[in-house]
Amino acid sequence: MRSKVKTAIAAALVVAGGAVAAATAAAATASAAQADKADLASNSVARALLQQLIDIDTTDAHGNVTTAAQAMAQRFRAAGFPEQDVVIAGGANPKKQNVVIRLHGSGAHKPVLLIGHLDVVDARREDWTSDPFKLIEKDGYFYGRGTQDMKDGDAIMAATLLRMKQEGFRPARDIILALTADEEGGCCNGVDWLLKNRHELVDAEFVLNHDGASVMSEHGVPQVFELGATEKVYADYQLVVTNRGGHSSLPRPDNAIYQLAAGLMRVQAYKFPFELNNVTRAYFESMAKLDPQRAADFRAILTTPPDEGAIARLSQDPTMGSIMRTTCVATRLAGGHGNNALPQRAEANINCRILPGHSPEKVRQQLIRVLNDKDIAVRFVADNGTVTDTAPDREGYPPPPLKPEVMKPLEAVVKQMWPGLAIVPTMSAGASDSIYTAAMGIPSYGIAGVAIDRDDLRMHGRDERVGVASFDRGNEFFYRYLKAVTAR
């Protein structure tokens, strides 16, 4: 009898267990479907924000950042953000105002600051296959000025906060979003201004900067997640040759344009010394494990002394060569005052991206040695356009510690979305607004989930574009990551 009872009970438990398992599986399926639906809705919002931002010209030359800031402010006010949590602020230039949005949390921890610049570099319609200031979707890509740098990130960060607000999510720390001016051109009105004049708006424990590409891919396949841990220092230099000029029918060897051109060719031929720091050394050590085809070269540049042949081969890839040394390149050229006159003045701009540990003044002195021409003046051009005979002695800031509250959620979300993808700290070859937050002692990290092919980096270039699927995936990543960072 007992045996029959036990058998009946066991059978009942099996049935009940199966029912529970089925119910759990059904609930999980329903939850996943609900999450997918929410992702689709958020992607739709992010796309609408991207279109709105691309369609607003925010160049330094003829655009208006304030228009974009006000458009974003209106979005947040319409979503229920209180007036006092959506602040338009900036310097004296009415076209260069910033917008700062705050999503309040429990206050258990100090806020996290998200930064993104609204301004973009100029783009000429005649150089593009489409209007650079109109978002175009074609062949699986969004085209438009800022699709990579960095209105895609602005739209994603804004969409994430709007989604959190709609869900009623209460983070453990305030989330501050600053969409700003003057990262690409001009000065004094963006993140730097906010830190100096409205510090209470942006005071935070650490910074997440969406400016850049973290998920580097090849032929659409993600290869590595690059965490921005440090960056180069930006510097512009004015090269000028002047002489008496004269009639063009009486040519002389001291032609200012020829003299400057010869100097520029010497700058082009010069290679600043190869150099690794703790971030780039760790980067190449990781790449030696992740890239079998170039592993031998990666290991060879880590030896003492480094292998010159390996350096030369890797330098052919701009994404690699640019983080091995300071780089300087001519970006603008002007000269002469008449078609029938010898030039009295020739001028060029040299743009340098300087390795941390070296100052703009040291690089200026090196340019003077490379030019090797006492008639070519080398002056420093400040962000506000002021030209001086000397440059600042400030050096790049050391990389911040990899905070557990930043890294642990990142590792978890990257593992979920791109299983097996390695996270590699790296140094940005460019420069961003993180230089200002780092200078204030706020640890700053470059983190973005939009995948871009290494050979399709079109920031500042013609027909700038981002993959539609990549943009959507990046939007989903940032929501999951920011929620994980601020959930506890």
Protein backbone atom coordinates (compact mmCIF):
# COMPACT_ATOMS: atom_id res chain seq x y z
CA MET A 1 0.00 0.00 0.00
CA ARG A 2 2.78 2.36 1.03
CA SER A 3 4.55 1.61 -2.22
CA LYS A 4 1.49 2.62 -4.24
CA VAL A 5 1.11 5.82 -2.21
CA LYS A 6 4.78 6.70 -2.73
CA THR A 7 4.45 6.03 -6.44
CA ALA A 8 1.37 8.23 -6.66
CA ILE A 9 3.07 11.04 -4.73
CA ALA A 10 6.18 10.79 -6.92
CA ALA A 11 4.07 10.91 -10.05
CA ALA A 12 2.21 13.93 -8.72
CA LEU A 13 5.49 15.66 -7.92
CA VAL A 14 6.79 14.95 -11.42
CA VAL A 15 3.66 16.40 -12.94
CA ALA A 16 3.81 19.41 -10.62
CA GLY A 17 7.51 19.90 -11.32
CA GLY A 18 6.87 19.71 -15.03
CA ALA A 19 4.11 22.25 -14.71
CA VAL A 20 6.39 24.59 -12.74
CA ALA A 21 9.17 24.17 -15.29
CA ALA A 22 6.75 24.81 -18.12
CA ALA A 23 5.38 27.86 -16.36
CA THR A 24 8.90 29.14 -15.69
CA ALA A 25 9.89 28.61 -19.31
CA ALA A 26 6.73 30.34 -20.48
CA ALA A 27 7.41 33.26 -18.15
CA ALA A 28 10.98 33.51 -19.40
CA THR A 29 9.78 33.47 -23.00
CA ALA A 30 7.19 36.14 -22.25
CA SER A 31 9.82 38.23 -20.44
CA ALA A 32 12.23 37.93 -23.37
CA ALA A 33 9.49 38.89 -25.80
CA GLN A 34 8.64 41.90 -23.66
CA ALA A 35 12.32 42.91 -23.53
CA ASP A 36 12.59 42.55 -27.32
CA LYS A 37 9.52 44.74 -27.72
CA ALA A 38 11.00 47.35 -25.41
CA ASP A 39 14.29 47.23 -27.35
CA LEU A 40 12.46 47.80 -30.63
CA ALA A 41 10.60 50.76 -29.16
CA SER A 42 13.82 52.25 -27.79
CA ASN A 43 15.61 51.72 -31.12
CA SER A 44 12.79 53.59 -32.83
CA VAL A 45 13.23 56.49 -30.41
CA ALA A 46 17.01 56.48 -30.88
CA ARG A 47 16.62 56.55 -34.68
CA ALA A 48 14.23 59.49 -34.44
CA LEU A 49 16.68 61.34 -32.20
CA LEU A 50 19.54 60.59 -34.60
CA GLN A 51 17.58 61.96 -37.53
CA GLN A 52 16.65 65.09 -35.62
CA LEU A 53 20.26 65.72 -34.64
CA ILE A 54 21.78 64.98 -38.06
CA ASP A 55 19.27 67.31 -39.71
CA ILE A 56 20.47 70.20 -37.52
CA ASP A 57 23.70 71.76 -38.76
CA THR A 58 25.96 72.09 -35.70
CA THR A 59 29.25 72.96 -37.40
CA ASP A 60 31.42 75.72 -35.98
CA ALA A 61 31.48 77.58 -39.29
CA HIS A 62 27.77 78.03 -40.01
CA GLY A 63 25.80 75.83 -37.62
CA ASN A 64 24.02 76.26 -34.32
CA VAL A 65 24.59 73.89 -31.40
CA THR A 66 21.98 75.68 -29.30
CA THR A 67 19.26 74.59 -31.74
CA ALA A 68 20.20 70.95 -31.15
CA ALA A 69 20.46 71.46 -27.38
CA GLN A 70 17.00 73.02 -27.28
CA ALA A 71 15.55 70.21 -29.41
CA MET A 72 16.89 67.63 -26.95
CA ALA A 73 15.66 69.65 -23.99
CA GLN A 74 12.16 69.68 -25.47
CA ARG A 75 12.27 65.89 -25.85
CA PHE A 76 13.08 65.43 -22.18
CA ARG A 77 10.53 67.94 -20.95
CA ALA A 78 7.85 66.22 -23.03
CA ALA A 79 8.87 62.91 -21.41
CA GLY A 80 8.16 64.29 -17.95
CA PHE A 81 11.56 65.49 -16.79
CA PRO A 82 11.06 68.48 -14.43
CA GLU A 83 12.12 71.90 -15.71
CA GLN A 84 14.89 72.17 -13.11
CA ASP A 85 16.41 68.89 -14.34
CA VAL A 86 16.73 70.07 -17.96
CA VAL A 87 19.15 73.01 -17.99
CA ILE A 88 20.37 75.02 -20.98
CA ALA A 89 23.66 76.69 -20.07
CA GLY A 90 26.84 77.90 -21.72
CA GLY A 91 29.17 80.80 -22.35
CA ALA A 92 28.52 84.11 -24.07
CA ASN A 93 28.05 82.66 -27.56
CA PRO A 94 24.27 82.23 -28.07
CA LYS A 95 24.88 79.57 -30.75
CA LYS A 96 26.90 77.35 -28.43
CA GLN A 97 24.75 76.46 -25.45
CA ASN A 98 24.81 73.05 -23.76
CA VAL A 99 21.97 70.99 -22.33
CA VAL A 100 22.37 69.09 -19.06
CA ILE A 101 19.74 66.52 -18.03
CA ARG A 102 19.54 64.76 -14.68
CA LEU A 103 17.69 61.55 -13.87
CA HIS A 104 17.47 61.39 -10.09
CA GLY A 105 18.37 58.24 -8.20
CA SER A 106 18.34 57.14 -4.59
CA GLY A 107 21.53 59.04 -3.80
CA ALA A 108 23.26 55.93 -2.47
CA HIS A 109 26.28 56.80 -4.61
CA LYS A 110 27.73 59.88 -6.26
CA PRO A 111 26.39 60.56 -9.80
CA VAL A 112 27.73 59.22 -13.07
CA LEU A 113 28.24 61.80 -15.83
CA LEU A 114 27.59 60.95 -19.49
CA ILE A 115 29.21 63.37 -21.94
CA GLY A 116 28.67 63.77 -25.67
CA HIS A 117 29.35 66.66 -28.02
CA LEU A 118 26.65 67.98 -30.33
CA ASP A 119 29.00 69.90 -32.64
CA VAL A 120 30.43 68.27 -35.77
CA VAL A 121 33.18 69.11 -38.26
CA ASP A 122 32.20 70.80 -41.49
CA ALA A 123 31.13 68.84 -44.57
CA ARG A 124 30.78 70.13 -48.13
CA ARG A 125 27.77 68.98 -50.10
CA GLU A 126 29.79 68.80 -53.31
CA ASP A 127 32.17 66.27 -51.73
CA TRP A 128 29.43 63.91 -50.54
CA THR A 129 27.16 61.58 -52.47
CA SER A 130 24.24 62.83 -50.35
CA ASP A 131 23.40 65.89 -48.26
CA PRO A 132 25.62 65.55 -45.15
CA PHE A 133 23.03 67.36 -43.03
CA LYS A 134 20.16 65.03 -43.89
CA LEU A 135 20.01 61.53 -42.46
CA ILE A 136 19.87 59.03 -45.32
CA GLU A 137 19.29 55.29 -44.89
CA LYS A 138 20.81 53.30 -47.74
CA ASP A 139 22.15 49.76 -48.16
CA GLY A 140 21.96 49.03 -44.44
CA TYR A 141 23.68 52.24 -43.33
CA PHE A 142 22.72 55.63 -41.94
CA TYR A 143 24.62 58.39 -43.77
CA GLY A 144 25.15 61.90 -42.44
CA ARG A 145 27.65 64.14 -40.71
CA GLY A 146 27.88 62.92 -37.14
CA THR A 147 26.70 59.34 -37.66
CA GLN A 148 30.05 58.16 -36.27
CA ASP A 149 31.28 61.31 -34.49
CA MET A 150 29.17 61.49 -32.47
CA LYS A 151 25.48 62.18 -32.88
CA ASP A 152 24.93 58.43 -32.89
CA GLY A 153 26.18 58.36 -29.30
CA ASP A 154 24.17 61.45 -28.36
CA ALA A 155 20.99 59.81 -29.64
CA ILE A 156 21.75 56.53 -27.86
CA MET A 157 22.48 58.17 -24.51
CA ALA A 158 19.34 60.31 -24.78
CA ALA A 159 17.20 57.31 -25.76
CA THR A 160 18.56 55.37 -22.77
CA LEU A 161 17.55 58.06 -20.28
CA LEU A 162 14.15 58.46 -21.88
CA ARG A 163 13.60 54.69 -21.66
CA MET A 164 14.62 54.63 -18.00
CA LYS A 165 12.26 57.48 -17.24
CA GLN A 166 9.39 55.73 -18.99
CA GLU A 167 10.07 52.51 -17.08
CA GLY A 168 10.18 54.33 -13.75
CA PHE A 169 13.70 53.06 -13.12
CA ARG A 170 15.28 54.59 -10.03
CA PRO A 171 19.07 54.26 -10.16
CA ALA A 172 21.31 54.04 -7.11
CA ARG A 173 23.06 57.19 -8.27
CA ASP A 174 21.92 60.21 -10.27
CA ILE A 175 22.58 59.93 -14.00
CA ILE A 176 23.67 63.21 -15.60
CA LEU A 177 23.73 63.65 -19.38
CA ALA A 178 25.66 66.64 -20.78
CA LEU A 179 25.28 67.29 -24.52
CA THR A 180 27.74 70.02 -25.34
CA ALA A 181 29.39 72.42 -27.76
CA ASP A 182 32.97 73.16 -28.82
CA GLU A 183 34.56 69.73 -28.97
CA GLU A 184 35.28 69.86 -32.71
CA GLY A 185 35.97 73.56 -33.11
CA GLY A 186 36.03 76.81 -31.21
CA CYS A 187 36.51 76.92 -27.49
CA CYS A 188 35.26 77.78 -24.07
CA ASN A 189 31.57 76.88 -24.27
CA GLY A 190 31.35 73.12 -23.75
CA VAL A 191 32.41 70.64 -21.07
CA ASP A 192 35.28 72.90 -20.00
CA TRP A 193 32.84 75.78 -19.42
CA LEU A 194 30.42 73.60 -17.45
CA LEU A 195 33.17 72.29 -15.18
CA LYS A 196 34.46 75.79 -14.46
CA ASN A 197 31.19 77.73 -14.29
CA ARG A 198 28.40 75.28 -13.43
CA HIS A 199 30.28 72.54 -11.65
CA GLU A 200 27.25 71.62 -9.56
CA LEU A 201 25.47 70.49 -12.73
CA VAL A 202 28.13 67.98 -13.74
CA ASP A 203 29.87 66.94 -10.52
CA ALA A 204 30.21 63.14 -10.62
CA GLU A 205 32.18 60.15 -9.36
CA PHE A 206 33.18 59.06 -12.86
CA VAL A 207 32.51 59.82 -16.52
CA LEU A 208 31.30 57.65 -19.38
CA ASN A 209 32.20 59.21 -22.73
CA HIS A 210 30.45 57.74 -25.79
CA ASP A 211 32.83 59.56 -28.16
CA GLY A 212 34.52 56.85 -30.22
CA ALA A 213 34.13 53.24 -31.31
CA SER A 214 34.65 50.51 -28.73
CA VAL A 215 33.46 47.48 -30.71
CA MET A 216 36.02 47.13 -33.48
CA SER A 217 34.95 44.71 -36.20
CA GLU A 218 36.19 43.27 -39.48
CA HIS A 219 33.70 42.61 -42.27
CA GLY A 220 30.92 43.14 -39.75
CA VAL A 221 32.25 40.60 -37.23
CA PRO A 222 33.19 42.09 -33.82
CA GLN A 223 36.84 41.40 -32.94
CA VAL A 224 37.50 43.27 -29.72
CA PHE A 225 35.87 45.69 -27.27
CA GLU A 226 38.23 48.62 -26.78
CA LEU A 227 37.80 50.47 -23.49
CA GLY A 228 39.10 54.02 -23.77
CA ALA A 229 41.49 54.38 -20.82
CA THR A 230 43.60 57.34 -21.93
CA GLU A 231 44.10 59.57 -24.98
CA LYS A 232 46.53 61.78 -26.81
CA VAL A 233 46.86 65.56 -26.39
CA TYR A 234 45.54 67.74 -29.22
CA ALA A 235 47.69 70.63 -30.50
CA ASP A 236 47.69 72.93 -33.54
CA TYR A 237 50.74 74.81 -34.82
CA GLN A 238 50.95 77.67 -37.32
CA LEU A 239 53.87 77.57 -39.75
CA VAL A 240 54.59 80.89 -41.46
CA VAL A 241 57.13 82.06 -44.04
CA THR A 242 57.25 85.75 -44.97
CA ASN A 243 59.47 87.73 -47.37
CA ARG A 244 59.45 90.85 -49.54
CA GLY A 245 57.57 89.32 -52.49
CA GLY A 246 57.90 91.01 -55.87
CA HIS A 247 56.90 90.78 -59.51
CA SER A 248 56.20 87.24 -60.76
CA SER A 249 58.27 87.87 -63.89
CA LEU A 250 61.38 88.03 -61.71
CA PRO A 251 61.36 84.71 -59.79
CA ARG A 252 63.74 84.25 -56.87
CA PRO A 253 64.79 81.11 -55.00
CA ASP A 254 63.35 82.37 -51.70
CA ASN A 255 59.75 81.89 -52.85
CA ALA A 256 57.71 81.67 -49.61
CA ILE A 257 55.40 78.95 -50.94
CA TYR A 258 58.25 76.75 -52.15
CA GLN A 259 60.12 77.29 -48.89
CA LEU A 260 57.12 76.30 -46.79
CA ALA A 261 56.34 73.32 -49.05
CA ALA A 262 59.88 72.01 -48.61
CA GLY A 263 59.48 72.28 -44.84
CA LEU A 264 56.16 70.43 -44.94
CA MET A 265 57.77 67.59 -46.88
CA ARG A 266 60.37 67.26 -44.10
CA VAL A 267 57.59 67.07 -41.51
CA GLN A 268 55.83 64.43 -43.58
CA ALA A 269 58.99 62.31 -43.77
CA TYR A 270 59.75 62.57 -40.07
CA LYS A 271 58.56 59.86 -37.66
CA PHE A 272 58.36 60.67 -33.99
CA PRO A 273 60.01 57.99 -31.82
CA PHE A 274 58.18 54.73 -31.18
CA GLU A 275 56.91 54.65 -27.61
CA LEU A 276 54.66 52.49 -25.43
CA ASN A 277 52.96 53.35 -22.17
CA ASN A 278 51.22 51.05 -19.70
CA VAL A 279 47.93 51.22 -21.63
CA THR A 280 49.30 50.66 -25.13
CA ARG A 281 51.65 47.92 -23.92
CA ALA A 282 48.69 46.08 -22.38
CA TYR A 283 46.75 46.67 -25.60
CA PHE A 284 49.39 45.07 -27.83
CA GLU A 285 49.86 42.20 -25.38
CA SER A 286 46.14 41.49 -25.67
CA MET A 287 46.14 41.84 -29.46
CA ALA A 288 48.94 39.28 -29.69
CA LYS A 289 46.47 36.75 -28.27
CA LEU A 290 43.49 37.91 -30.34
CA ASP A 291 45.02 38.44 -33.81
CA PRO A 292 46.99 35.34 -34.91
CA GLN A 293 47.96 36.83 -38.27
CA ARG A 294 49.84 39.72 -36.67
CA ALA A 295 50.67 38.09 -33.33
CA ALA A 296 54.39 37.77 -34.12
CA ASP A 297 54.66 41.49 -34.93
CA PHE A 298 52.72 42.46 -31.80
CA ARG A 299 55.10 40.42 -29.66
CA ALA A 300 58.12 41.78 -31.53
CA ILE A 301 57.36 45.41 -30.70
CA LEU A 302 57.11 44.49 -27.01
CA THR A 303 60.74 43.31 -26.86
CA THR A 304 63.71 45.41 -25.75
CA PRO A 305 64.74 46.81 -28.12
CA PRO A 306 61.57 46.62 -30.22
CA ASP A 307 61.79 45.11 -33.70
CA GLU A 308 61.91 47.94 -36.26
CA GLY A 309 60.51 45.78 -39.04
CA ALA A 310 57.46 44.89 -36.95
CA ILE A 311 56.95 48.56 -36.09
CA ALA A 312 57.05 49.46 -39.78
CA ARG A 313 54.59 46.74 -40.76
CA LEU A 314 52.08 47.55 -38.02
CA SER A 315 52.39 51.28 -38.72
CA GLN A 316 50.88 50.70 -42.15
CA ASP A 317 47.57 50.25 -40.29
CA PRO A 318 46.66 53.80 -39.18
CA THR A 319 44.71 52.51 -36.18
CA MET A 320 47.89 50.83 -34.93
CA GLY A 321 50.53 53.30 -36.05
CA SER A 322 48.73 56.25 -34.52
CA ILE A 323 49.02 54.88 -30.98
CA MET A 324 52.71 54.01 -31.26
CA ARG A 325 54.00 57.56 -31.52
CA THR A 326 53.13 61.24 -31.56
CA THR A 327 51.79 62.18 -35.00
CA CYS A 328 51.76 65.51 -36.82
CA VAL A 329 50.08 66.22 -40.16
CA ALA A 330 49.47 69.28 -42.33
CA THR A 331 45.74 70.08 -42.43
CA ARG A 332 45.49 73.58 -43.96
CA LEU A 333 47.53 75.61 -46.43
CA ALA A 334 47.37 79.20 -47.70
CA GLY A 335 49.76 81.47 -49.53
CA GLY A 336 50.23 84.34 -51.94
CA HIS A 337 48.26 87.51 -52.59
CA GLY A 338 48.02 87.68 -56.37
CA ASN A 339 48.39 85.50 -59.47
CA ASN A 340 51.03 87.84 -60.84
CA ALA A 341 53.05 88.42 -57.66
CA LEU A 342 55.66 86.50 -55.75
CA PRO A 343 54.11 85.42 -52.44
CA GLN A 344 54.87 87.63 -49.46
CA ARG A 345 53.42 85.08 -47.07
CA ALA A 346 52.76 81.34 -46.96
CA GLU A 347 51.05 79.66 -44.04
CA ALA A 348 50.13 76.13 -42.98
CA ASN A 349 48.47 74.48 -40.03
CA ILE A 350 50.07 71.41 -38.52
CA ASN A 351 47.79 69.29 -36.34
CA CYS A 352 49.50 67.05 -33.79
CA ARG A 353 48.20 64.29 -31.53
CA ILE A 354 50.73 63.98 -28.73
CA LEU A 355 51.44 60.94 -26.59
CA PRO A 356 50.78 61.32 -22.86
CA GLY A 357 53.96 62.38 -21.08
CA HIS A 358 54.95 64.94 -23.73
CA SER A 359 53.94 68.58 -23.82
CA PRO A 360 52.86 70.72 -26.79
CA GLU A 361 55.92 72.92 -26.22
CA LYS A 362 58.29 69.94 -26.52
CA VAL A 363 56.62 69.01 -29.79
CA ARG A 364 56.88 72.60 -31.05
CA GLN A 365 60.61 72.54 -30.38
CA GLN A 366 60.90 69.21 -32.23
CA LEU A 367 59.03 70.63 -35.25
CA ILE A 368 61.51 73.51 -35.34
CA ARG A 369 64.38 71.01 -35.47
CA VAL A 370 62.67 68.92 -38.17
CA LEU A 371 61.90 71.97 -40.36
CA ASN A 372 65.51 73.10 -40.01
CA ASP A 373 64.75 76.50 -41.50
CA LYS A 374 65.11 79.69 -39.47
CA ASP A 375 62.72 81.46 -41.86
CA ILE A 376 59.79 79.18 -40.94
CA ALA A 377 58.18 80.44 -37.74
CA VAL A 378 56.42 77.79 -35.63
CA ARG A 379 53.72 79.15 -33.33
CA PHE A 380 51.11 77.48 -31.12
CA VAL A 381 47.40 77.94 -31.90
CA ALA A 382 45.16 77.77 -28.82
CA ASP A 383 41.59 76.47 -28.86
CA ASN A 384 40.25 80.02 -28.96
CA GLY A 385 42.39 80.83 -32.02
CA THR A 386 45.03 82.82 -30.14
CA VAL A 387 48.49 82.37 -31.68
CA THR A 388 51.53 82.47 -29.36
CA ASP A 389 55.27 81.98 -29.77
CA THR A 390 55.31 79.23 -27.14
CA ALA A 391 53.01 76.33 -26.30
CA PRO A 392 51.76 74.95 -22.97
CA ASP A 393 53.96 72.64 -20.95
CA ARG A 394 51.01 70.49 -19.82
CA GLU A 395 51.27 66.79 -20.56
CA GLY A 396 48.59 64.15 -21.10
CA TYR A 397 46.87 62.88 -17.99
CA PRO A 398 47.64 59.37 -16.70
CA PRO A 399 44.97 56.71 -17.27
CA PRO A 400 42.39 56.33 -14.49
CA PRO A 401 42.12 53.20 -12.36
CA LEU A 402 39.77 50.59 -13.80
CA LYS A 403 37.02 50.97 -11.21
CA PRO A 404 35.12 47.76 -10.35
CA GLU A 405 31.79 49.60 -10.61
CA VAL A 406 32.69 50.36 -14.23
CA MET A 407 34.42 47.13 -15.21
CA LYS A 408 32.28 44.40 -13.64
CA PRO A 409 29.03 45.50 -15.33
CA LEU A 410 30.94 46.00 -18.58
CA GLU A 411 32.34 42.47 -18.48
CA ALA A 412 28.89 41.03 -17.75
CA VAL A 413 27.05 42.92 -20.51
CA VAL A 414 29.74 42.37 -23.15
CA LYS A 415 29.71 38.65 -22.33
CA GLN A 416 25.92 38.62 -22.71
CA MET A 417 25.83 40.51 -26.01
CA TRP A 418 29.09 39.39 -27.65
CA PRO A 419 30.11 36.07 -26.07
CA GLY A 420 33.87 35.57 -26.11
CA LEU A 421 34.67 39.19 -27.05
CA ALA A 422 37.73 40.41 -25.15
CA ILE A 423 37.73 43.79 -23.39
CA VAL A 424 41.02 45.58 -24.04
CA PRO A 425 41.97 48.95 -22.45
CA THR A 426 43.34 51.25 -25.14
CA MET A 427 44.55 54.77 -25.82
CA SER A 428 42.54 56.94 -28.18
CA ALA A 429 44.58 58.28 -31.07
CA GLY A 430 42.37 61.34 -31.10
CA ALA A 431 41.33 63.65 -28.32
CA SER A 432 37.99 64.21 -26.63
CA ASP A 433 36.30 66.17 -23.87
CA SER A 434 37.58 63.58 -21.40
CA ILE A 435 40.71 65.71 -21.21
CA TYR A 436 38.71 68.30 -19.24
CA THR A 437 37.02 65.85 -16.88
CA ALA A 438 40.32 64.02 -16.30
CA ALA A 439 41.98 67.34 -15.49
CA MET A 440 39.36 67.85 -12.77
CA GLY A 441 40.29 64.49 -11.25
CA ILE A 442 37.17 62.65 -12.46
CA PRO A 443 38.02 59.16 -13.81
CA SER A 444 36.84 59.10 -17.43
CA TYR A 445 36.23 56.10 -19.67
CA GLY A 446 35.43 55.80 -23.36
CA ILE A 447 32.64 53.22 -23.73
CA ALA A 448 30.33 52.69 -26.71
CA GLY A 449 28.56 49.66 -28.14
CA VAL A 450 28.30 50.65 -31.81
CA ALA A 451 30.44 48.28 -33.89
CA ILE A 452 32.48 49.82 -36.71
CA ASP A 453 34.84 48.09 -39.12
CA ARG A 454 38.48 49.14 -38.77
CA ASP A 455 38.62 49.99 -42.46
CA ASP A 456 35.39 52.00 -42.37
CA LEU A 457 36.30 54.69 -39.83
CA ARG A 458 34.83 57.77 -41.53
CA MET A 459 34.84 60.29 -38.69
CA HIS A 460 35.54 63.76 -40.12
CA GLY A 461 35.54 62.23 -43.60
CA ARG A 462 33.35 62.03 -46.69
CA ASP A 463 30.13 59.99 -46.63
CA GLU A 464 30.31 59.34 -42.89
CA ARG A 465 28.07 56.42 -42.00
CA VAL A 466 27.08 53.88 -39.36
CA GLY A 467 25.45 50.49 -39.85
CA VAL A 468 21.74 50.47 -39.01
CA ALA A 469 21.94 47.11 -37.21
CA SER A 470 25.12 48.24 -35.45
CA PHE A 471 23.39 51.41 -34.26
CA ASP A 472 20.45 49.43 -32.89
CA ARG A 473 22.75 46.96 -31.16
CA GLY A 474 24.75 49.82 -29.68
CA ASN A 475 21.57 51.34 -28.32
CA GLU A 476 20.57 48.06 -26.67
CA PHE A 477 24.07 47.66 -25.22
CA PHE A 478 24.20 51.10 -23.66
CA TYR A 479 20.82 50.70 -22.00
CA ARG A 480 21.83 47.38 -20.45
CA TYR A 481 25.24 48.65 -19.41
CA LEU A 482 24.09 51.92 -17.87
CA LYS A 483 21.32 50.10 -16.01
CA ALA A 484 23.84 47.61 -14.65
CA VAL A 485 26.22 50.40 -13.62
CA THR A 486 23.53 52.28 -11.73
CA ALA A 487 21.27 49.51 -10.45
CA ARG A 488 22.99 49.01 -7.10
